[in-house]
Amino acid sequence: MLTITDSADQQLKEILLGESSKYIRAFIEGGGCSGFNYGFMLDDVKNEDDFEIGDYLIIDSMSMQYLEGATLDFKKEIVGSSFVIRNPNAKTTCGCGSSFSV
């Protein structure tokens, strides 16, 4: 299962404030400099095979196989803020942190 830090959970709540969407969907897609990209989008539909993590995050079953054991965090830094995924399944990652390979 994917773990969500308190910081990430709070940011998910803040993103959904004022939005009509019920969830934020995390997903894995092909591409990027290392082979797979992490992605996020607003979504109203929770599919039968989706995993619901916490109150706001959903992940499809295909993406979950790559995120098993990972941690979703949210970091605020001087240069900006972003979600950070620490993924023990990633064998290599790119410098920007949004792409990985298994």
PDB file of N, CA and C in Angstrom:
ATOM      1  N   MET A   1       0.843  -1.178   0.000  1.00  0.00           N
ATOM      2  CA  MET A   1       0.000   0.000   0.000  1.00  0.00           C
ATOM      3  C   MET A   1       0.889   1.241   0.000  1.00  0.00           C
ATOM      4  N   LEU A   2       0.388   2.318  -0.546  1.00  0.00           N
ATOM      5  CA  LEU A   2       1.065   3.605  -0.564  1.00  0.00           C
ATOM      6  C   LEU A   2       0.799   4.326   0.751  1.00  0.00           C
ATOM      7  N   THR A   3       1.815   4.948   1.323  1.00  0.00           N
ATOM      8  CA  THR A   3       1.679   5.729   2.552  1.00  0.00           C
ATOM      9  C   THR A   3       1.623   7.204   2.195  1.00  0.00           C
ATOM     10  N   ILE A   4       0.756   7.947   2.873  1.00  0.00           N
ATOM     11  CA  ILE A   4       0.642   9.390   2.670  1.00  0.00           C
ATOM     12  C   ILE A   4       1.097  10.071   3.960  1.00  0.00           C
ATOM     13  N   THR A   5       2.058  10.978   3.848  1.00  0.00           N
ATOM     14  CA  THR A   5       2.496  11.724   5.027  1.00  0.00           C
ATOM     15  C   THR A   5       1.427  12.753   5.407  1.00  0.00           C
ATOM     16  N   ASP A   6       1.511  13.262   6.631  1.00  0.00           N
ATOM     17  CA  ASP A   6       0.567  14.292   7.076  1.00  0.00           C
ATOM     18  C   ASP A   6       0.641  15.527   6.189  1.00  0.00           C
ATOM     19  N   SER A   7       1.836  15.892   5.785  1.00  0.00           N
ATOM     20  CA  SER A   7       2.029  17.058   4.918  1.00  0.00           C
ATOM     21  C   SER A   7       1.320  16.863   3.575  1.00  0.00           C
ATOM     22  N   ALA A   8       1.451  15.684   2.983  1.00  0.00           N
ATOM     23  CA  ALA A   8       0.790  15.393   1.706  1.00  0.00           C
ATOM     24  C   ALA A   8      -0.722  15.341   1.869  1.00  0.00           C
ATOM     25  N   ASP A   9      -1.182  14.740   2.963  1.00  0.00           N
ATOM     26  CA  ASP A   9      -2.619  14.660   3.216  1.00  0.00           C
ATOM     27  C   ASP A   9      -3.221  16.060   3.325  1.00  0.00           C
ATOM     28  N   GLN A  10      -2.559  16.947   4.043  1.00  0.00           N
ATOM     29  CA  GLN A  10      -3.035  18.323   4.190  1.00  0.00           C
ATOM     30  C   GLN A  10      -3.076  19.031   2.839  1.00  0.00           C
ATOM     31  N   GLN A  11      -2.069  18.811   2.001  1.00  0.00           N
ATOM     32  CA  GLN A  11      -2.041  19.454   0.684  1.00  0.00           C
ATOM     33  C   GLN A  11      -3.135  18.910  -0.225  1.00  0.00           C
ATOM     34  N   LEU A  12      -3.412  17.613  -0.154  1.00  0.00           N
ATOM     35  CA  LEU A  12      -4.515  17.044  -0.937  1.00  0.00           C
ATOM     36  C   LEU A  12      -5.829  17.720  -0.552  1.00  0.00           C
ATOM     37  N   LYS A  13      -6.057  17.912   0.753  1.00  0.00           N
ATOM     38  CA  LYS A  13      -7.265  18.596   1.229  1.00  0.00           C
ATOM     39  C   LYS A  13      -7.335  20.012   0.670  1.00  0.00           C
ATOM     40  N   GLU A  14      -6.221  20.726   0.728  1.00  0.00           N
ATOM     41  CA  GLU A  14      -6.190  22.108   0.253  1.00  0.00           C
ATOM     42  C   GLU A  14      -6.464  22.201  -1.237  1.00  0.00           C
ATOM     43  N   ILE A  15      -5.949  21.270  -2.010  1.00  0.00           N
ATOM     44  CA  ILE A  15      -6.179  21.271  -3.460  1.00  0.00           C
ATOM     45  C   ILE A  15      -7.664  21.103  -3.760  1.00  0.00           C
ATOM     46  N   LEU A  16      -8.326  20.248  -3.006  1.00  0.00           N
ATOM     47  CA  LEU A  16      -9.737  19.965  -3.283  1.00  0.00           C
ATOM     48  C   LEU A  16     -10.691  21.033  -2.761  1.00  0.00           C
ATOM     49  N   LEU A  17     -10.225  21.917  -1.872  1.00  0.00           N
ATOM     50  CA  LEU A  17     -11.078  23.012  -1.400  1.00  0.00           C
ATOM     51  C   LEU A  17     -11.471  23.885  -2.587  1.00  0.00           C
ATOM     52  N   GLY A  18     -12.725  24.124  -2.743  1.00  0.00           N
ATOM     53  CA  GLY A  18     -13.193  24.963  -3.837  1.00  0.00           C
ATOM     54  C   GLY A  18     -13.289  24.261  -5.178  1.00  0.00           C
ATOM     55  N   GLU A  19     -12.905  22.996  -5.234  1.00  0.00           N
ATOM     56  CA  GLU A  19     -13.020  22.206  -6.470  1.00  0.00           C
ATOM     57  C   GLU A  19     -14.307  21.391  -6.405  1.00  0.00           C
ATOM     58  N   SER A  20     -14.852  21.078  -7.541  1.00  0.00           N
ATOM     59  CA  SER A  20     -16.045  20.230  -7.572  1.00  0.00           C
ATOM     60  C   SER A  20     -15.673  18.746  -7.561  1.00  0.00           C
ATOM     61  N   SER A  21     -14.408  18.437  -7.769  1.00  0.00           N
ATOM     62  CA  SER A  21     -13.959  17.045  -7.804  1.00  0.00           C
ATOM     63  C   SER A  21     -13.888  16.465  -6.399  1.00  0.00           C
ATOM     64  N   LYS A  22     -14.096  15.154  -6.307  1.00  0.00           N
ATOM     65  CA  LYS A  22     -14.076  14.461  -5.026  1.00  0.00           C
ATOM     66  C   LYS A  22     -12.703  13.898  -4.691  1.00  0.00           C
ATOM     67  N   TYR A  23     -11.901  13.582  -5.722  1.00  0.00           N
ATOM     68  CA  TYR A  23     -10.645  12.870  -5.513  1.00  0.00           C
ATOM     69  C   TYR A  23      -9.506  13.502  -6.307  1.00  0.00           C
ATOM     70  N   ILE A  24      -8.309  13.130  -5.892  1.00  0.00           N
ATOM     71  CA  ILE A  24      -7.123  13.342  -6.703  1.00  0.00           C
ATOM     72  C   ILE A  24      -6.631  11.965  -7.091  1.00  0.00           C
ATOM     73  N   ARG A  25      -6.472  11.760  -8.389  1.00  0.00           N
ATOM     74  CA  ARG A  25      -6.023  10.466  -8.899  1.00  0.00           C
ATOM     75  C   ARG A  25      -4.517  10.528  -9.148  1.00  0.00           C
ATOM     76  N   ALA A  26      -3.786   9.587  -8.546  1.00  0.00           N
ATOM     77  CA  ALA A  26      -2.360   9.415  -8.830  1.00  0.00           C
ATOM     78  C   ALA A  26      -2.240   8.263  -9.819  1.00  0.00           C
ATOM     79  N   PHE A  27      -1.346   8.386 -10.779  1.00  0.00           N
ATOM     80  CA  PHE A  27      -1.217   7.338 -11.786  1.00  0.00           C
ATOM     81  C   PHE A  27       0.206   7.283 -12.321  1.00  0.00           C
ATOM     82  N   ILE A  28       0.509   6.190 -12.976  1.00  0.00           N
ATOM     83  CA  ILE A  28       1.786   5.971 -13.644  1.00  0.00           C
ATOM     84  C   ILE A  28       1.493   5.875 -15.134  1.00  0.00           C
ATOM     85  N   GLU A  29       2.308   6.553 -15.936  1.00  0.00           N
ATOM     86  CA  GLU A  29       2.165   6.461 -17.388  1.00  0.00           C
ATOM     87  C   GLU A  29       3.541   6.318 -18.017  1.00  0.00           C
ATOM     88  N   GLY A  30       3.570   5.751 -19.188  1.00  0.00           N
ATOM     89  CA  GLY A  30       4.825   5.594 -19.902  1.00  0.00           C
ATOM     90  C   GLY A  30       5.354   6.927 -20.370  1.00  0.00           C
ATOM     91  N   GLY A  31       6.678   7.033 -20.450  1.00  0.00           N
ATOM     92  CA  GLY A  31       7.303   8.258 -20.934  1.00  0.00           C
ATOM     93  C   GLY A  31       8.331   8.766 -19.954  1.00  0.00           C
ATOM     94  N   GLY A  32       8.802   9.947 -20.196  1.00  0.00           N
ATOM     95  CA  GLY A  32       9.808  10.536 -19.320  1.00  0.00           C
ATOM     96  C   GLY A  32      11.188  10.006 -19.648  1.00  0.00           C
ATOM     97  N   CYS A  33      12.176  10.617 -19.067  1.00  0.00           N
ATOM     98  CA  CYS A  33      13.546  10.246 -19.402  1.00  0.00           C
ATOM     99  C   CYS A  33      13.963   8.919 -18.794  1.00  0.00           C
ATOM    100  N   SER A  34      13.218   8.416 -17.797  1.00  0.00           N
ATOM    101  CA  SER A  34      13.586   7.137 -17.187  1.00  0.00           C
ATOM    102  C   SER A  34      12.625   5.997 -17.520  1.00  0.00           C
ATOM    103  N   GLY A  35      11.539   6.263 -18.230  1.00  0.00           N
ATOM    104  CA  GLY A  35      10.646   5.198 -18.654  1.00  0.00           C
ATOM    105  C   GLY A  35       9.203   5.347 -18.207  1.00  0.00           C
ATOM    106  N   PHE A  36       8.971   5.747 -16.949  1.00  0.00           N
ATOM    107  CA  PHE A  36       7.624   5.956 -16.433  1.00  0.00           C
ATOM    108  C   PHE A  36       7.550   7.335 -15.789  1.00  0.00           C
ATOM    109  N   ASN A  37       6.366   7.958 -15.873  1.00  0.00           N
ATOM    110  CA  ASN A  37       6.116   9.241 -15.221  1.00  0.00           C
ATOM    111  C   ASN A  37       5.064   9.078 -14.144  1.00  0.00           C
ATOM    112  N   TYR A  38       5.202   9.835 -13.072  1.00  0.00           N
ATOM    113  CA  TYR A  38       4.143   9.973 -12.086  1.00  0.00           C
ATOM    114  C   TYR A  38       3.199  11.057 -12.566  1.00  0.00           C
ATOM    115  N   GLY A  39       1.909  10.869 -12.337  1.00  0.00           N
ATOM    116  CA  GLY A  39       0.942  11.888 -12.717  1.00  0.00           C
ATOM    117  C   GLY A  39      -0.150  12.033 -11.670  1.00  0.00           C
ATOM    118  N   PHE A  40      -0.774  13.212 -11.652  1.00  0.00           N
ATOM    119  CA  PHE A  40      -1.880  13.511 -10.752  1.00  0.00           C
ATOM    120  C   PHE A  40      -2.937  14.262 -11.530  1.00  0.00           C
ATOM    121  N   MET A  41      -4.202  14.016 -11.213  1.00  0.00           N
ATOM    122  CA  MET A  41      -5.297  14.751 -11.832  1.00  0.00           C
ATOM    123  C   MET A  41      -6.510  14.730 -10.914  1.00  0.00           C
ATOM    124  N   LEU A  42      -7.384  15.704 -11.080  1.00  0.00           N
ATOM    125  CA  LEU A  42      -8.638  15.713 -10.344  1.00  0.00           C
ATOM    126  C   LEU A  42      -9.580  14.713 -10.978  1.00  0.00           C
ATOM    127  N   ASP A  43     -10.410  14.056 -10.156  1.00  0.00           N
ATOM    128  CA  ASP A  43     -11.333  13.042 -10.677  1.00  0.00           C
ATOM    129  C   ASP A  43     -12.550  12.951  -9.772  1.00  0.00           C
ATOM    130  N   ASP A  44     -13.704  12.691 -10.364  1.00  0.00           N
ATOM    131  CA  ASP A  44     -14.943  12.493  -9.613  1.00  0.00           C
ATOM    132  C   ASP A  44     -15.335  11.034  -9.525  1.00  0.00           C
ATOM    133  N   VAL A  45     -14.730  10.195 -10.357  1.00  0.00           N
ATOM    134  CA  VAL A  45     -15.158   8.808 -10.479  1.00  0.00           C
ATOM    135  C   VAL A  45     -14.140   7.875  -9.842  1.00  0.00           C
ATOM    136  N   LYS A  46     -14.600   7.067  -8.906  1.00  0.00           N
ATOM    137  CA  LYS A  46     -13.773   6.014  -8.322  1.00  0.00           C
ATOM    138  C   LYS A  46     -14.207   4.714  -8.981  1.00  0.00           C
ATOM    139  N   ASN A  47     -13.306   4.103  -9.746  1.00  0.00           N
ATOM    140  CA  ASN A  47     -13.610   2.869 -10.461  1.00  0.00           C
ATOM    141  C   ASN A  47     -13.551   1.668  -9.525  1.00  0.00           C
ATOM    142  N   GLU A  48     -14.150   0.580  -9.953  1.00  0.00           N
ATOM    143  CA  GLU A  48     -14.229  -0.634  -9.133  1.00  0.00           C
ATOM    144  C   GLU A  48     -12.850  -1.158  -8.735  1.00  0.00           C
ATOM    145  N   ASP A  49     -11.863  -1.030  -9.626  1.00  0.00           N
ATOM    146  CA  ASP A  49     -10.528  -1.571  -9.330  1.00  0.00           C
ATOM    147  C   ASP A  49      -9.575  -0.532  -8.735  1.00  0.00           C
ATOM    148  N   ASP A  50     -10.085   0.670  -8.391  1.00  0.00           N
ATOM    149  CA  ASP A  50      -9.248   1.702  -7.792  1.00  0.00           C
ATOM    150  C   ASP A  50      -8.984   1.406  -6.323  1.00  0.00           C
ATOM    151  N   PHE A  51      -7.811   1.817  -5.869  1.00  0.00           N
ATOM    152  CA  PHE A  51      -7.475   1.795  -4.460  1.00  0.00           C
ATOM    153  C   PHE A  51      -7.740   3.190  -3.917  1.00  0.00           C
ATOM    154  N   GLU A  52      -8.391   3.280  -2.781  1.00  0.00           N
ATOM    155  CA  GLU A  52      -8.611   4.567  -2.133  1.00  0.00           C
ATOM    156  C   GLU A  52      -7.653   4.656  -0.951  1.00  0.00           C
ATOM    157  N   ILE A  53      -6.771   5.640  -1.009  1.00  0.00           N
ATOM    158  CA  ILE A  53      -5.755   5.833   0.015  1.00  0.00           C
ATOM    159  C   ILE A  53      -6.126   7.104   0.779  1.00  0.00           C
ATOM    160  N   GLY A  54      -6.407   6.982   2.052  1.00  0.00           N
ATOM    161  CA  GLY A  54      -6.871   8.137   2.811  1.00  0.00           C
ATOM    162  C   GLY A  54      -8.240   8.551   2.321  1.00  0.00           C
ATOM    163  N   ASP A  55      -8.563   9.817   2.487  1.00  0.00           N
ATOM    164  CA  ASP A  55      -9.892  10.314   2.125  1.00  0.00           C
ATOM    165  C   ASP A  55      -9.977  10.879   0.715  1.00  0.00           C
ATOM    166  N   TYR A  56      -8.826  11.183   0.089  1.00  0.00           N
ATOM    167  CA  TYR A  56      -8.871  11.970  -1.140  1.00  0.00           C
ATOM    168  C   TYR A  56      -8.115  11.382  -2.321  1.00  0.00           C
ATOM    169  N   LEU A  57      -7.278  10.391  -2.103  1.00  0.00           N
ATOM    170  CA  LEU A  57      -6.402   9.894  -3.163  1.00  0.00           C
ATOM    171  C   LEU A  57      -6.899   8.555  -3.689  1.00  0.00           C
ATOM    172  N   ILE A  58      -6.991   8.426  -5.014  1.00  0.00           N
ATOM    173  CA  ILE A  58      -7.326   7.152  -5.643  1.00  0.00           C
ATOM    174  C   ILE A  58      -6.224   6.792  -6.642  1.00  0.00           C
ATOM    175  N   ILE A  59      -6.012   5.475  -6.786  1.00  0.00           N
ATOM    176  CA  ILE A  59      -4.970   4.963  -7.678  1.00  0.00           C
ATOM    177  C   ILE A  59      -5.515   3.732  -8.370  1.00  0.00           C
ATOM    178  N   ASP A  60      -5.379   3.666  -9.688  1.00  0.00           N
ATOM    179  CA  ASP A  60      -5.848   2.500 -10.426  1.00  0.00           C
ATOM    180  C   ASP A  60      -4.945   1.306 -10.117  1.00  0.00           C
ATOM    181  N   SER A  61      -5.476   0.104 -10.329  1.00  0.00           N
ATOM    182  CA  SER A  61      -4.752  -1.114  -9.945  1.00  0.00           C
ATOM    183  C   SER A  61      -3.455  -1.306 -10.725  1.00  0.00           C
ATOM    184  N   MET A  62      -3.408  -0.892 -11.986  1.00  0.00           N
ATOM    185  CA  MET A  62      -2.177  -1.042 -12.759  1.00  0.00           C
ATOM    186  C   MET A  62      -1.077  -0.142 -12.192  1.00  0.00           C
ATOM    187  N   SER A  63      -1.427   1.092 -11.850  1.00  0.00           N
ATOM    188  CA  SER A  63      -0.446   2.013 -11.286  1.00  0.00           C
ATOM    189  C   SER A  63      -0.010   1.576  -9.893  1.00  0.00           C
ATOM    190  N   MET A  64      -0.933   1.000  -9.127  1.00  0.00           N
ATOM    191  CA  MET A  64      -0.621   0.613  -7.754  1.00  0.00           C
ATOM    192  C   MET A  64       0.497  -0.418  -7.690  1.00  0.00           C
ATOM    193  N   GLN A  65       0.591  -1.278  -8.701  1.00  0.00           N
ATOM    194  CA  GLN A  65       1.667  -2.280  -8.679  1.00  0.00           C
ATOM    195  C   GLN A  65       3.046  -1.629  -8.678  1.00  0.00           C
ATOM    196  N   TYR A  66       3.170  -0.426  -9.252  1.00  0.00           N
ATOM    197  CA  TYR A  66       4.442   0.291  -9.268  1.00  0.00           C
ATOM    198  C   TYR A  66       4.632   1.167  -8.025  1.00  0.00           C
ATOM    199  N   LEU A  67       3.540   1.422  -7.299  1.00  0.00           N
ATOM    200  CA  LEU A  67       3.593   2.299  -6.129  1.00  0.00           C
ATOM    201  C   LEU A  67       3.530   1.541  -4.807  1.00  0.00           C
ATOM    202  N   GLU A  68       3.457   0.229  -4.865  1.00  0.00           N
ATOM    203  CA  GLU A  68       3.382  -0.586  -3.649  1.00  0.00           C
ATOM    204  C   GLU A  68       4.589  -0.302  -2.755  1.00  0.00           C
ATOM    205  N   GLY A  69       4.322   0.091  -1.514  1.00  0.00           N
ATOM    206  CA  GLY A  69       5.399   0.376  -0.564  1.00  0.00           C
ATOM    207  C   GLY A  69       5.965   1.782  -0.648  1.00  0.00           C
ATOM    208  N   ALA A  70       5.462   2.595  -1.583  1.00  0.00           N
ATOM    209  CA  ALA A  70       5.969   3.960  -1.755  1.00  0.00           C
ATOM    210  C   ALA A  70       5.343   4.907  -0.731  1.00  0.00           C
ATOM    211  N   THR A  71       5.931   6.086  -0.609  1.00  0.00           N
ATOM    212  CA  THR A  71       5.429   7.130   0.279  1.00  0.00           C
ATOM    213  C   THR A  71       5.218   8.402  -0.528  1.00  0.00           C
ATOM    214  N   LEU A  72       4.045   9.007  -0.362  1.00  0.00           N
ATOM    215  CA  LEU A  72       3.738  10.295  -0.978  1.00  0.00           C
ATOM    216  C   LEU A  72       3.923  11.369   0.081  1.00  0.00           C
ATOM    217  N   ASP A  73       4.780  12.337  -0.217  1.00  0.00           N
ATOM    218  CA  ASP A  73       5.059  13.428   0.705  1.00  0.00           C
ATOM    219  C   ASP A  73       4.854  14.739  -0.034  1.00  0.00           C
ATOM    220  N   PHE A  74       4.749  15.834   0.705  1.00  0.00           N
ATOM    221  CA  PHE A  74       4.666  17.165   0.114  1.00  0.00           C
ATOM    222  C   PHE A  74       5.735  18.023   0.768  1.00  0.00           C
ATOM    223  N   LYS A  75       6.584  18.616  -0.049  1.00  0.00           N
ATOM    224  CA  LYS A  75       7.703  19.419   0.434  1.00  0.00           C
ATOM    225  C   LYS A  75       7.529  20.876   0.025  1.00  0.00           C
ATOM    226  N   LYS A  76       7.696  21.772   0.999  1.00  0.00           N
ATOM    227  CA  LYS A  76       7.724  23.212   0.728  1.00  0.00           C
ATOM    228  C   LYS A  76       9.163  23.653   0.896  1.00  0.00           C
ATOM    229  N   GLU A  77       9.712  24.241  -0.168  1.00  0.00           N
ATOM    230  CA  GLU A  77      11.092  24.705  -0.153  1.00  0.00           C
ATOM    231  C   GLU A  77      11.154  26.119  -0.694  1.00  0.00           C
ATOM    232  N   ILE A  78      12.279  26.743  -0.552  1.00  0.00           N
ATOM    233  CA  ILE A  78      12.455  28.120  -1.016  1.00  0.00           C
ATOM    234  C   ILE A  78      12.187  28.229  -2.514  1.00  0.00           C
ATOM    235  N   VAL A  79      12.596  27.228  -3.280  1.00  0.00           N
ATOM    236  CA  VAL A  79      12.453  27.270  -4.734  1.00  0.00           C
ATOM    237  C   VAL A  79      11.084  26.813  -5.223  1.00  0.00           C
ATOM    238  N   GLY A  80      10.219  26.341  -4.311  1.00  0.00           N
ATOM    239  CA  GLY A  80       8.883  25.915  -4.695  1.00  0.00           C
ATOM    240  C   GLY A  80       8.384  24.761  -3.853  1.00  0.00           C
ATOM    241  N   SER A  81       7.198  24.304  -4.158  1.00  0.00           N
ATOM    242  CA  SER A  81       6.569  23.207  -3.441  1.00  0.00           C
ATOM    243  C   SER A  81       6.184  22.122  -4.427  1.00  0.00           C
ATOM    244  N   SER A  82       6.193  20.871  -3.945  1.00  0.00           N
ATOM    245  CA  SER A  82       5.796  19.777  -4.834  1.00  0.00           C
ATOM    246  C   SER A  82       5.539  18.514  -4.036  1.00  0.00           C
ATOM    247  N   PHE A  83       4.756  17.642  -4.647  1.00  0.00           N
ATOM    248  CA  PHE A  83       4.607  16.298  -4.114  1.00  0.00           C
ATOM    249  C   PHE A  83       5.878  15.527  -4.448  1.00  0.00           C
ATOM    250  N   VAL A  84       6.306  14.683  -3.534  1.00  0.00           N
ATOM    251  CA  VAL A  84       7.491  13.864  -3.719  1.00  0.00           C
ATOM    252  C   VAL A  84       7.097  12.419  -3.449  1.00  0.00           C
ATOM    253  N   ILE A  85       7.456  11.533  -4.369  1.00  0.00           N
ATOM    254  CA  ILE A  85       7.184  10.108  -4.186  1.00  0.00           C
ATOM    255  C   ILE A  85       8.500   9.398  -3.926  1.00  0.00           C
ATOM    256  N   ARG A  86       8.595   8.796  -2.759  1.00  0.00           N
ATOM    257  CA  ARG A  86       9.745   7.946  -2.442  1.00  0.00           C
ATOM    258  C   ARG A  86       9.305   6.515  -2.748  1.00  0.00           C
ATOM    259  N   ASN A  87       9.868   5.969  -3.822  1.00  0.00           N
ATOM    260  CA  ASN A  87       9.402   4.688  -4.346  1.00  0.00           C
ATOM    261  C   ASN A  87      10.504   3.640  -4.262  1.00  0.00           C
ATOM    262  N   PRO A  88      10.363   2.645  -3.373  1.00  0.00           N
ATOM    263  CA  PRO A  88      11.395   1.615  -3.249  1.00  0.00           C
ATOM    264  C   PRO A  88      11.473   0.692  -4.464  1.00  0.00           C
ATOM    265  N   ASN A  89      10.476   0.737  -5.344  1.00  0.00           N
ATOM    266  CA  ASN A  89      10.455  -0.102  -6.541  1.00  0.00           C
ATOM    267  C   ASN A  89      11.254   0.506  -7.691  1.00  0.00           C
ATOM    268  N   ALA A  90      11.569   1.789  -7.597  1.00  0.00           N
ATOM    269  CA  ALA A  90      12.290   2.478  -8.675  1.00  0.00           C
ATOM    270  C   ALA A  90      13.768   2.097  -8.642  1.00  0.00           C
ATOM    271  N   LYS A  91      14.237   1.552  -9.738  1.00  0.00           N
ATOM    272  CA  LYS A  91      15.657   1.189  -9.842  1.00  0.00           C
ATOM    273  C   LYS A  91      16.493   2.400 -10.221  1.00  0.00           C
ATOM    274  N   THR A  92      15.939   3.273 -11.073  1.00  0.00           N
ATOM    275  CA  THR A  92      16.595   4.520 -11.442  1.00  0.00           C
ATOM    276  C   THR A  92      15.544   5.620 -11.481  1.00  0.00           C
ATOM    277  N   THR A  93      15.981   6.849 -11.246  1.00  0.00           N
ATOM    278  CA  THR A  93      15.102   8.006 -11.352  1.00  0.00           C
ATOM    279  C   THR A  93      15.833   9.098 -12.115  1.00  0.00           C
ATOM    280  N   CYS A  94      15.072  10.061 -12.591  1.00  0.00           N
ATOM    281  CA  CYS A  94      15.699  11.193 -13.274  1.00  0.00           C
ATOM    282  C   CYS A  94      15.950  12.295 -12.248  1.00  0.00           C
ATOM    283  N   GLY A  95      16.670  13.295 -12.645  1.00  0.00           N
ATOM    284  CA  GLY A  95      17.004  14.401 -11.757  1.00  0.00           C
ATOM    285  C   GLY A  95      15.823  15.189 -11.258  1.00  0.00           C
ATOM    286  N   CYS A  96      14.759  15.279 -12.041  1.00  0.00           N
ATOM    287  CA  CYS A  96      13.604  16.074 -11.628  1.00  0.00           C
ATOM    288  C   CYS A  96      12.701  15.326 -10.659  1.00  0.00           C
ATOM    289  N   GLY A  97      12.852  14.008 -10.571  1.00  0.00           N
ATOM    290  CA  GLY A  97      12.069  13.227  -9.622  1.00  0.00           C
ATOM    291  C   GLY A  97      10.683  12.837 -10.101  1.00  0.00           C
ATOM    292  N   SER A  98      10.331  13.159 -11.340  1.00  0.00           N
ATOM    293  CA  SER A  98       8.994  12.793 -11.831  1.00  0.00           C
ATOM    294  C   SER A  98       9.017  11.595 -12.770  1.00  0.00           C
ATOM    295  N   SER A  99      10.174  10.999 -12.974  1.00  0.00           N
ATOM    296  CA  SER A  99      10.321   9.874 -13.883  1.00  0.00           C
ATOM    297  C   SER A  99      11.161   8.801 -13.215  1.00  0.00           C
ATOM    298  N   PHE A 100      10.839   7.523 -13.529  1.00  0.00           N
ATOM    299  CA  PHE A 100      11.565   6.415 -12.928  1.00  0.00           C
ATOM    300  C   PHE A 100      11.512   5.191 -13.826  1.00  0.00           C
ATOM    301  N   SER A 101      12.329   4.190 -13.515  1.00  0.00           N
ATOM    302  CA  SER A 101      12.252   2.893 -14.191  1.00  0.00           C
ATOM    303  C   SER A 101      12.279   1.797 -13.133  1.00  0.00           C
ATOM    304  N   VAL A 102      11.730   0.645 -13.506  1.00  0.00           N
ATOM    305  CA  VAL A 102      11.690  -0.504 -12.576  1.00  0.00           C
ATOM    306  C   VAL A 102      12.496  -1.649 -13.121  1.00  0.00           C
TER     307      VAL A 102
END
